[in-house]
Protein backbone atom coordinates (compact mmCIF):
# COMPACT_ATOMS: atom_id res chain seq x y z
CA MET A 1 0.00 0.00 0.00
CA ILE A 2 1.21 3.49 -0.93
CA TYR A 3 -0.27 6.69 0.50
CA CYS A 4 0.00 9.96 -1.46
CA VAL A 5 -0.55 13.24 0.43
CA GLU A 6 -0.92 16.13 -2.01
CA ASP A 7 -3.28 19.12 -1.85
CA ASP A 8 -3.11 19.77 -5.60
CA ALA A 9 -5.87 17.51 -6.94
CA SER A 10 -4.47 17.22 -10.47
CA ILE A 11 -1.04 16.13 -9.22
CA ARG A 12 -2.57 13.74 -6.68
CA GLU A 13 -4.78 12.05 -9.25
CA LEU A 14 -1.92 11.74 -11.74
CA VAL A 15 0.30 10.08 -9.11
CA LEU A 16 -2.48 7.70 -8.04
CA TYR A 17 -3.29 6.79 -11.65
CA THR A 18 0.38 6.01 -12.39
CA LEU A 19 0.79 3.90 -9.25
CA ARG A 20 -2.37 1.91 -9.83
CA ALA A 21 -1.55 1.41 -13.51
CA SER A 22 1.80 -0.02 -12.40
CA GLY A 23 0.07 -2.57 -10.19
CA PHE A 24 0.37 -0.83 -6.82
CA GLU A 25 -2.44 -0.35 -4.30
CA ALA A 26 -2.66 3.38 -3.53
CA ARG A 27 -4.75 5.91 -1.58
CA GLY A 28 -4.72 9.69 -1.89
CA PHE A 29 -5.24 12.39 0.74
CA ALA A 30 -5.81 16.11 0.22
CA GLU A 31 -4.96 17.13 3.78
CA SER A 32 -3.18 15.81 6.85
CA GLY A 33 -6.19 15.02 9.05
CA ALA A 34 -7.48 12.16 6.91
CA PHE A 35 -3.92 10.97 6.35
CA TRP A 36 -3.20 10.66 10.09
CA GLU A 37 -6.50 8.82 10.65
CA ALA A 38 -5.58 6.35 7.91
CA MET A 39 -2.13 5.88 9.45
CA CYS A 40 -3.76 4.83 12.72
CA GLU A 41 -5.71 2.16 10.89
CA HIS A 42 -3.00 0.85 8.57
CA VAL A 43 0.70 1.68 8.15
CA PRO A 44 1.54 1.69 4.43
CA ASP A 45 4.72 0.45 2.77
CA LEU A 46 5.48 3.91 1.38
CA VAL A 47 4.26 7.48 1.88
CA LEU A 48 4.62 10.12 -0.83
CA LEU A 49 4.42 13.55 0.84
CA ASP A 50 3.99 17.01 -0.54
CA ILE A 51 7.05 19.04 0.54
CA MET A 52 4.65 21.16 2.64
CA LEU A 53 2.37 18.70 4.40
CA PRO A 54 -1.15 19.92 3.67
CA GLY A 55 -3.03 20.95 6.78
CA GLU A 56 0.07 21.19 8.99
CA ASP A 57 1.64 24.34 10.39
CA GLY A 58 3.56 25.34 7.27
CA LEU A 59 7.06 25.42 8.71
CA GLU A 60 9.60 24.44 6.10
CA ILE A 61 12.43 22.39 7.63
CA GLN A 62 15.51 21.85 5.52
CA LYS A 63 18.55 19.73 6.44
CA VAL A 64 21.70 20.89 4.63
CA SER A 65 25.30 19.72 4.52
CA VAL A 66 27.93 22.17 5.76
CA PRO A 67 31.71 21.99 6.10
CA MET A 68 33.28 21.05 9.42
CA GLY A 69 35.27 24.30 9.37
CA VAL A 70 38.98 24.01 10.14
CA ILE A 71 40.39 20.50 9.89
CA ALA A 72 43.85 19.69 11.25
CA ILE A 73 45.67 16.65 9.89
CA ILE A 74 48.75 15.36 11.72
CA TYR A 75 50.67 12.83 9.66
CA GLU A 76 54.10 11.25 9.48
CA SER A 77 56.28 10.39 6.51
CA ARG A 78 53.98 10.14 3.48
CA PRO A 79 54.06 13.32 1.34
CA ASN A 80 51.04 12.21 -0.73
CA VAL A 81 48.85 12.79 2.33
CA THR A 82 49.59 16.50 1.86
CA SER A 83 47.90 16.76 -1.52
CA ASP A 84 45.16 14.22 -0.75
CA ALA A 85 44.13 15.94 2.48
CA ALA A 86 44.28 19.42 0.98
CA ALA A 87 42.19 18.42 -2.05
CA LEU A 88 39.51 16.75 0.08
CA ALA A 89 39.36 19.66 2.50
CA LEU A 90 39.03 22.24 -0.28
CA LYS A 91 36.42 20.24 -2.21
CA SER A 92 34.29 19.84 0.92
CA GLY A 93 34.55 23.56 1.75
CA ASN A 94 36.93 23.26 4.70
CA VAL A 95 40.16 24.97 5.66
CA CYS A 96 43.02 22.55 6.38
CA VAL A 97 45.98 22.86 8.70
CA LEU A 98 48.58 20.25 7.82
CA ARG A 99 51.34 19.13 10.15
CA SER A 100 53.75 16.65 8.57
CA GLY A 101 56.59 14.67 10.10
CA LYS A 102 60.10 16.03 9.78
CA GLU A 103 61.07 13.29 7.30
CA ALA A 104 58.50 14.50 4.77
CA PHE A 105 58.54 18.21 5.55
CA ARG A 106 60.45 19.47 2.50
CA SER A 107 58.24 17.52 0.11
CA ALA A 108 55.10 18.60 1.96
CA ASN A 109 56.27 22.22 1.92
CA ALA A 110 56.85 22.13 -1.84
CA ILE A 111 53.41 20.61 -2.42
CA VAL A 112 51.70 23.22 -0.23
CA ASP A 113 53.59 26.07 -1.94
CA ALA A 114 52.32 24.80 -5.30
CA LEU A 115 48.76 24.44 -4.01
CA ARG A 116 48.74 27.94 -2.49
CA SER A 117 50.08 29.38 -5.75
CA GLY A 118 47.29 27.65 -7.63
CA LEU A 119 44.67 29.00 -5.23
CA ARG A 120 45.95 32.56 -5.64
CA SER A 121 45.84 32.24 -9.42
CA VAL A 122 42.09 31.52 -9.37
CA GLY A 123 41.17 34.09 -6.74
CA ILE A 124 40.82 31.75 -3.74
CA THR A 125 42.54 32.70 -0.52
CA GLU A 126 45.79 30.79 -0.09
CA ASN A 127 45.00 30.49 3.62
CA ALA A 128 42.59 27.65 2.81
CA VAL A 129 45.66 25.36 2.83
CA ASN A 130 48.23 25.73 5.58
CA LEU A 131 51.34 23.80 6.63
CA VAL A 132 52.71 24.06 10.15
CA GLN A 133 56.40 24.96 9.82
CA ASP A 134 57.34 23.46 13.19
CA THR A 135 57.61 19.64 13.16
CA SER A 136 58.28 19.26 16.87
CA ARG A 137 56.01 17.42 19.28
CA GLU A 138 55.03 20.78 20.74
CA SER A 139 53.36 21.83 17.48
CA ALA A 140 51.37 18.59 17.38
CA ALA A 141 50.30 19.06 21.01
CA ALA A 142 49.22 22.62 20.23
CA LEU A 143 46.92 21.40 17.46
CA MET A 144 45.47 18.70 19.71
CA THR A 145 44.40 21.33 22.25
CA ALA A 146 43.48 24.22 19.94
CA ASN A 147 39.91 24.52 21.19
CA GLY A 148 38.03 27.27 19.43
CA TYR A 149 40.37 27.11 16.42
CA ILE A 150 40.30 23.48 15.24
CA ASP A 151 36.92 21.88 14.51
CA LEU A 152 38.24 18.39 13.74
CA LEU A 153 41.58 16.62 14.19
CA ILE A 154 42.54 13.63 12.04
CA PRO A 155 45.78 11.75 12.74
CA ARG A 156 47.36 9.72 9.91
CA GLY A 157 50.14 7.36 10.92
CA GLY A 158 51.15 4.58 13.25
CA ALA A 159 49.58 3.42 16.47
CA GLY A 160 51.78 5.70 18.57
CA LEU A 161 50.62 8.87 16.82
CA ILE A 162 46.97 7.84 16.76
CA ASN A 163 46.91 6.84 20.43
CA ALA A 164 48.66 10.08 21.41
CA CYS A 165 46.05 12.15 19.56
CA VAL A 166 43.07 10.22 20.87
CA SER A 167 44.29 10.34 24.48
CA THR A 168 45.58 13.93 24.45
CA ALA A 169 43.27 15.86 22.14
CA THR A 170 40.71 18.20 23.64
CA VAL A 171 39.34 18.99 20.18
CA PRO A 172 37.12 16.47 18.33
CA CYS A 173 39.38 13.70 17.00
CA ILE A 174 38.79 10.76 14.67
CA ALA A 175 40.83 7.60 15.30
CA THR A 176 42.15 6.26 12.02
CA GLY A 177 44.31 3.59 10.63
CA THR A 178 45.59 0.99 13.06
CA GLY A 179 44.66 -2.37 11.58
CA ILE A 180 44.89 -5.77 13.21
CA CYS A 181 42.96 -7.34 10.34
CA HIS A 182 41.76 -10.96 10.41
CA VAL A 183 40.99 -13.55 7.74
CA TYR A 184 38.93 -16.55 8.90
CA VAL A 185 38.95 -19.68 6.73
CA GLU A 186 35.72 -21.49 7.59
CA LYS A 187 35.44 -25.27 7.17
CA SER A 188 33.31 -25.09 4.00
CA ALA A 189 35.69 -22.69 2.22
CA ASP A 190 37.14 -23.23 -1.23
CA LEU A 191 40.73 -23.80 -0.09
CA ASN A 192 42.40 -22.52 -3.25
CA MET A 193 40.34 -19.34 -3.02
CA ALA A 194 41.33 -19.06 0.64
CA LEU A 195 45.04 -19.38 -0.22
CA ASN A 196 44.77 -16.61 -2.82
CA ILE A 197 42.95 -14.32 -0.40
CA VAL A 198 45.35 -14.97 2.48
CA GLU A 199 48.43 -14.45 0.30
CA ASN A 200 47.07 -11.22 -1.15
CA ALA A 201 45.90 -9.84 2.17
CA LYS A 202 49.27 -10.53 3.80
CA THR A 203 51.90 -10.04 1.10
CA SER A 204 50.64 -7.60 -1.56
CA ARG A 205 51.61 -4.65 0.66
CA PRO A 206 52.27 -5.76 4.24
CA SER A 207 53.11 -2.30 5.60
CA VAL A 208 49.62 -0.80 5.20
CA CYS A 209 46.74 -0.76 7.66
CA ASN A 210 44.43 -3.03 5.61
CA ALA A 211 46.96 -5.87 5.45
CA GLU A 212 46.11 -9.14 7.20
CA GLU A 213 47.87 -9.71 10.51
CA VAL A 214 45.98 -12.73 11.88
CA LEU A 215 44.74 -15.88 10.18
CA LEU A 216 42.03 -17.96 11.84
CA VAL A 217 41.53 -21.50 10.53
CA ASP A 218 38.70 -23.90 11.30
CA LYS A 219 40.11 -26.94 13.11
CA ALA A 220 38.13 -29.26 10.85
CA ILE A 221 40.21 -28.25 7.81
CA ALA A 222 43.47 -27.30 9.52
CA PRO A 223 45.28 -30.60 8.75
CA THR A 224 44.59 -30.08 5.04
CA PHE A 225 44.76 -26.31 4.73
CA LEU A 226 47.77 -25.44 6.86
CA PRO A 227 50.27 -27.53 4.81
CA MET A 228 48.91 -25.81 1.69
CA LEU A 229 49.38 -22.46 3.43
CA TYR A 230 52.97 -23.31 4.40
CA LYS A 231 53.81 -24.26 0.83
CA ARG A 232 52.27 -21.05 -0.56
CA LEU A 233 53.71 -18.57 1.97
CA VAL A 234 57.01 -20.22 2.85
CA THR A 235 58.23 -22.98 0.50
CA ASP A 236 57.17 -21.40 -2.80
CA ARG A 237 57.95 -17.76 -1.99
CA GLU A 238 61.26 -15.96 -2.47
CA ARG A 239 60.20 -13.47 0.22
CA THR A 240 58.88 -15.85 2.84
CA VAL A 241 56.29 -15.09 5.50
CA GLU A 242 57.16 -15.82 9.12
CA LEU A 243 54.32 -17.86 10.63
CA ARG A 244 53.65 -17.47 14.35
CA LEU A 245 51.54 -20.46 15.33
CA ASP A 246 49.25 -21.35 18.19
CA GLU A 247 49.61 -24.81 19.75
CA THR A 248 47.23 -26.57 17.36
CA ALA A 249 48.75 -25.07 14.23
CA ALA A 250 52.29 -25.78 15.48
CA ALA A 251 51.46 -29.47 15.68
CA ILE A 252 50.68 -29.47 11.94
CA ILE A 253 53.28 -27.22 10.25
CA PRO A 254 56.67 -25.72 11.10
CA GLY A 255 56.83 -22.17 12.39
CA LYS A 256 57.56 -19.97 15.36
CA LYS A 257 55.48 -20.42 18.50
CA ALA A 258 53.06 -17.51 18.87
CA GLY A 259 53.88 -15.23 21.78
CA GLU A 260 51.51 -13.59 24.22
CA LYS A 261 51.25 -10.38 22.17
CA ASP A 262 51.29 -11.79 18.65
CA PHE A 263 47.50 -11.74 18.27
CA ASP A 264 47.42 -8.09 19.37
CA THR A 265 50.22 -6.77 17.15
CA GLU A 266 50.06 -4.81 13.92
CA PHE A 267 53.22 -6.30 12.40
CA LEU A 268 53.28 -4.26 9.15
CA ASP A 269 55.75 -6.88 7.92
CA TYR A 270 55.95 -10.38 6.44
CA ILE A 271 54.69 -11.93 9.68
CA LEU A 272 51.37 -13.72 10.16
CA ALA A 273 49.88 -14.98 13.41
CA VAL A 274 47.91 -18.21 12.92
CA LYS A 275 45.26 -19.65 15.27
CA CYS A 276 42.93 -22.63 14.90
CA VAL A 277 39.34 -22.23 16.08
CA GLU A 278 36.42 -24.61 16.59
CA ASP A 279 33.87 -22.73 14.51
CA VAL A 280 32.60 -19.35 13.33
CA LYS A 281 31.44 -18.42 16.82
CA GLU A 282 34.92 -18.83 18.26
CA ALA A 283 36.38 -16.92 15.31
CA VAL A 284 34.02 -14.01 15.95
CA ALA A 285 34.79 -14.08 19.67
CA HIS A 286 38.52 -13.96 18.96
CA ILE A 287 38.07 -11.03 16.59
CA ALA A 288 35.98 -9.18 19.18
CA ALA A 289 38.77 -9.62 21.74
CA HIS A 290 41.73 -8.69 19.52
CA SER A 291 40.59 -6.59 16.54
CA THR A 292 41.11 -2.84 16.18
CA GLY A 293 37.82 -2.58 14.28
CA HIS A 294 39.38 -2.05 10.84
CA SER A 295 38.75 -4.92 8.39
CA GLU A 296 37.92 -8.62 8.78
CA ALA A 297 37.19 -11.33 6.22
CA ILE A 298 35.58 -14.76 6.12
CA VAL A 299 36.21 -17.31 3.37
CA THR A 300 33.22 -19.66 3.24
CA ARG A 301 30.61 -21.41 1.12
CA SER A 302 28.17 -21.59 4.01
CA PRO A 303 25.32 -19.03 3.99
CA GLU A 304 24.79 -19.64 7.70
CA ALA A 305 28.44 -18.95 8.57
CA GLU A 306 28.41 -15.88 6.34
CA ARG A 307 25.30 -14.49 8.04
CA TYR A 308 26.67 -15.09 11.53
CA PHE A 309 30.04 -13.53 10.69
CA THR A 310 28.71 -10.42 8.97
CA ALA A 311 26.05 -9.84 11.64
CA ASN A 312 28.38 -10.22 14.63
CA VAL A 313 31.77 -8.85 13.56
CA ASP A 314 31.84 -5.20 14.63
CA SER A 315 34.44 -3.66 12.32
CA ALA A 316 34.38 -0.86 9.76
CA ALA A 317 34.66 -3.29 6.82
CA VAL A 318 33.53 -6.93 6.84
CA TYR A 319 34.39 -9.06 3.80
CA VAL A 320 33.01 -12.32 2.45
CA ASN A 321 35.33 -14.21 0.09
CA ALA A 322 37.49 -11.15 -0.61
CA SER A 323 40.78 -9.71 0.62
CA THR A 324 40.93 -7.06 3.33
CA ARG A 325 43.19 -5.07 1.02
CA PHE A 326 40.14 -3.50 -0.62
CA THR A 327 39.49 -1.19 2.35
CA ASP A 328 40.55 1.94 0.53
CA GLY A 329 38.82 5.13 -0.57
CA GLY A 330 39.64 4.57 -4.23
CA GLU A 331 38.42 0.97 -4.20
CA PHE A 332 35.19 2.07 -2.49
CA GLY A 333 34.55 4.70 -5.17
CA LEU A 334 35.36 7.66 -2.90
CA GLY A 335 38.52 8.80 -4.68
CA CYS A 336 41.39 9.71 -2.41
CA GLU A 337 40.69 9.36 1.30
CA MET A 338 41.43 11.39 4.40
CA GLY A 339 41.99 8.18 6.33
CA ILE A 340 40.19 5.03 7.44
CA SER A 341 38.18 5.58 10.59
CA THR A 342 38.06 2.70 13.06
CA GLN A 343 35.54 4.41 15.33
CA LYS A 344 31.76 4.70 14.97
CA LEU A 345 31.06 8.43 15.34
CA HIS A 346 30.71 10.31 13.12
CA ALA A 347 32.61 8.56 10.34
CA ARG A 348 33.53 4.90 9.87
CA GLY A 349 35.72 3.23 7.26
CA PRO A 350 37.32 5.17 4.36
CA MET A 351 36.69 8.90 4.78
CA GLY A 352 35.85 10.85 1.64
CA LEU A 353 34.12 14.16 1.03
CA GLN A 354 30.88 13.34 2.84
CA GLU A 355 32.71 12.43 6.05
CA LEU A 356 34.32 15.89 6.11
CA THR A 357 30.94 17.58 6.40
CA THR A 358 28.28 17.87 9.04
CA TYR A 359 24.77 19.28 8.74
CA LYS A 360 22.47 21.91 10.09
CA TYR A 361 18.74 22.63 9.95
CA ILE A 362 17.26 25.70 8.28
CA ILE A 363 13.65 26.36 9.32
CA ARG A 364 11.54 28.91 7.44
CA GLY A 365 8.24 30.19 8.78
CA ASN A 366 5.80 33.07 8.49
CA GLY A 367 5.50 34.43 11.99
CA HIS A 368 5.03 30.98 13.53
CA ILE A 369 5.08 30.70 17.30
CA ARG A 370 4.69 27.66 19.52
């Protein structure tokens, strides 16, 4: 059932005719009173409303996107963050204050000089893009506590930088980046597919935040799968992967015994922690205890295991039969990204233009009082 609320009779009848001709059941209302009475009797599947609800008070309420304001980005040794962050900030209507690490400062400074020159040439204030000239810890701390000047702080870098910002900042801060990403090979999985996914997630670029750090393997297939894994990641590779194994896995293949912290470490290297689990429930429980909320994957042919995993894993990106390496703004169709948020408010996952805006309400009336 579809309800159409429209005070213009010709428009209302045209909409109702079109809906009914398309096979839908539809009712029309010229004013709000009859509509609300009908709603009490039956809730429809869809309501088509006139922008000004007929018979109501006539206030026009509009929700509009607006820039955050001044966004500070503290990052380490990747000069490309300079241009990416500046472009996203400008396109979303924000001013950016960039603070690079000392290793990348000269490159960042050259990029910002070029951007500011370009802004001047088209009549936009060069102060829309700014680079802090001081790369000391004091300058970073000043940005973290610049209440009244900075509307949003985004750290880009390793766990140390991100934790320092989150724990120290008195301005709004988005936690980004740190990724203890898991791949779980469920007992029904296509094992060749699983090998391809695990190898890609671990070795294609091990130093990035969406690389796999922990492999979970169903005990039912461990005796078959783990030797295949060892051959793929160790025997057949020129650049071998160091496997850090729990007790069950160590009884099946050679490797280093997993230490106490190995399942809580972002290695960013050719190192993979391996654990055998009873089932999807234990896999999800392990992820809940050790994940940083970045990206997790299941390899399975079981719809039930897929549903349980995707419903219960609480991370920014949850994959089924695909590598965690896809967690990226470009791969998600967002273009370049400001970072990958591992928190829930207000942004989560790859941050593009939309995540650099907020909203406000504009209400127009005609002398209305309450």
